[in-house]
Amino acid sequence: MSYYKHHVFFCCNQREDGRASCNDHGSQAMRDYAKSRVKELELAGKDRVRINQAGCLDRCEEGPVLVVYPQGIWYTYVDQDDVDEIIDQHLANGVIVQRLRI
């Protein structure tokens, strides 16, 4: 059994060689927002939700990206509304957001 029901990793990679990077799209700010919102909704903690940042998840060309474990569901997002939808639907209610899935 996983320690968290949903363990979310936001790619916050910033490549220095000019290739696409998730942080080019503000992934660090979105990770910070998601962490705050999950706490505000009282979804954070053991047996619930954990929001983390990751280095390169090697999908930056599809980015920005995040992955939800243990399910292994990958998402892309454009803005805070998309992150809210992932939180409200997937993390709070267990419904995968198909339109953002990669």
Protein backbone atom coordinates (compact mmCIF):
# COMPACT_ATOMS: atom_id res chain seq x y z
CA MET A 1 0.00 0.00 0.00
CA SER A 2 1.28 3.44 -0.91
CA TYR A 3 1.95 5.96 1.86
CA TYR A 4 -0.06 8.54 -0.11
CA LYS A 5 -3.27 7.96 -2.02
CA HIS A 6 -1.95 10.37 -4.68
CA HIS A 7 1.72 11.38 -4.89
CA VAL A 8 2.06 14.14 -7.49
CA PHE A 9 5.35 15.11 -9.13
CA PHE A 10 5.58 18.34 -11.13
CA CYS A 11 8.49 18.45 -13.55
CA CYS A 12 10.29 21.68 -12.68
CA ASN A 13 13.25 21.12 -14.95
CA GLN A 14 15.10 24.03 -16.55
CA ARG A 15 17.42 22.89 -19.34
CA GLU A 16 20.36 25.12 -20.13
CA ASP A 17 20.89 23.91 -23.70
CA GLY A 18 17.85 25.57 -25.28
CA ARG A 19 15.67 22.46 -25.45
CA ALA A 20 12.10 22.66 -24.17
CA SER A 21 11.80 22.69 -20.38
CA CYS A 22 8.74 22.46 -18.18
CA ASN A 23 9.89 25.44 -16.16
CA ASP A 24 9.72 27.53 -19.37
CA HIS A 25 5.96 27.30 -18.78
CA GLY A 26 6.01 28.26 -15.09
CA SER A 27 5.93 24.74 -13.66
CA GLN A 28 7.56 25.79 -10.38
CA ALA A 29 4.86 28.40 -9.77
CA MET A 30 2.14 25.85 -10.63
CA ARG A 31 3.70 23.33 -8.25
CA ASP A 32 3.72 25.93 -5.48
CA TYR A 33 0.10 26.80 -6.24
CA ALA A 34 -0.99 23.13 -6.23
CA LYS A 35 0.78 22.47 -2.93
CA SER A 36 -0.95 25.45 -1.33
CA ARG A 37 -4.37 24.58 -2.74
CA VAL A 38 -4.16 20.93 -1.66
CA LYS A 39 -3.35 22.10 1.88
CA GLU A 40 -6.16 24.67 1.77
CA LEU A 41 -8.64 21.94 0.75
CA GLU A 42 -7.29 19.74 3.57
CA LEU A 43 -6.32 17.00 1.12
CA ALA A 44 -2.65 16.86 2.18
CA GLY A 45 -1.06 14.26 4.41
CA LYS A 46 -0.59 10.55 5.01
CA ASP A 47 -3.11 8.41 3.11
CA ARG A 48 -4.10 11.49 1.11
CA VAL A 49 -2.18 13.76 -1.27
CA ARG A 50 1.45 14.86 -1.48
CA ILE A 51 2.68 17.46 -4.00
CA ASN A 52 6.39 17.36 -4.92
CA GLN A 53 8.68 18.81 -7.53
CA ALA A 54 10.89 16.66 -9.69
CA GLY A 55 13.87 17.27 -11.87
CA CYS A 56 13.55 16.23 -15.48
CA LEU A 57 10.86 13.61 -16.06
CA ASP A 58 12.06 13.40 -19.70
CA ARG A 59 8.76 14.56 -21.21
CA CYS A 60 9.43 18.31 -21.32
CA GLU A 61 8.54 18.45 -25.03
CA GLU A 62 4.97 17.61 -23.96
CA GLY A 63 5.15 20.03 -21.07
CA PRO A 64 4.62 21.28 -18.71
CA VAL A 65 3.94 17.87 -17.21
CA LEU A 66 3.07 16.23 -13.93
CA VAL A 67 2.54 12.61 -12.98
CA VAL A 68 0.25 11.16 -10.31
CA TYR A 69 1.43 8.01 -8.56
CA PRO A 70 0.77 5.24 -7.74
CA GLN A 71 -1.62 5.27 -10.72
CA GLY A 72 1.04 6.55 -13.12
CA ILE A 73 -1.31 9.07 -14.74
CA TRP A 74 0.52 11.75 -16.75
CA TYR A 75 -0.95 15.19 -17.34
CA THR A 76 -0.07 18.35 -19.16
CA TYR A 77 -1.58 21.70 -18.21
CA VAL A 78 -1.68 25.25 -19.50
CA ASP A 79 -2.73 27.34 -16.54
CA GLN A 80 -4.05 27.44 -13.00
CA ASP A 81 -7.54 26.41 -14.18
CA ASP A 82 -6.12 23.15 -15.54
CA VAL A 83 -4.28 22.49 -12.26
CA ASP A 84 -7.50 23.21 -10.35
CA GLU A 85 -9.33 20.71 -12.53
CA ILE A 86 -6.72 18.01 -11.81
CA ILE A 87 -6.96 18.74 -8.07
CA ASP A 88 -10.76 18.91 -7.98
CA GLN A 89 -11.42 15.93 -10.22
CA HIS A 90 -8.53 13.49 -9.84
CA LEU A 91 -7.02 14.21 -6.45
CA ALA A 92 -10.24 15.02 -4.59
CA ASN A 93 -12.65 12.70 -6.39
CA GLY A 94 -10.61 10.02 -8.18
CA VAL A 95 -11.82 10.99 -11.66
CA ILE A 96 -9.08 11.11 -14.31
CA VAL A 97 -9.15 14.32 -16.38
CA GLN A 98 -9.00 12.79 -19.84
CA ARG A 99 -8.64 16.07 -21.74
CA LEU A 100 -5.32 16.82 -19.97
CA ARG A 101 -3.93 13.27 -19.96
CA ILE A 102 -0.84 12.49 -22.00
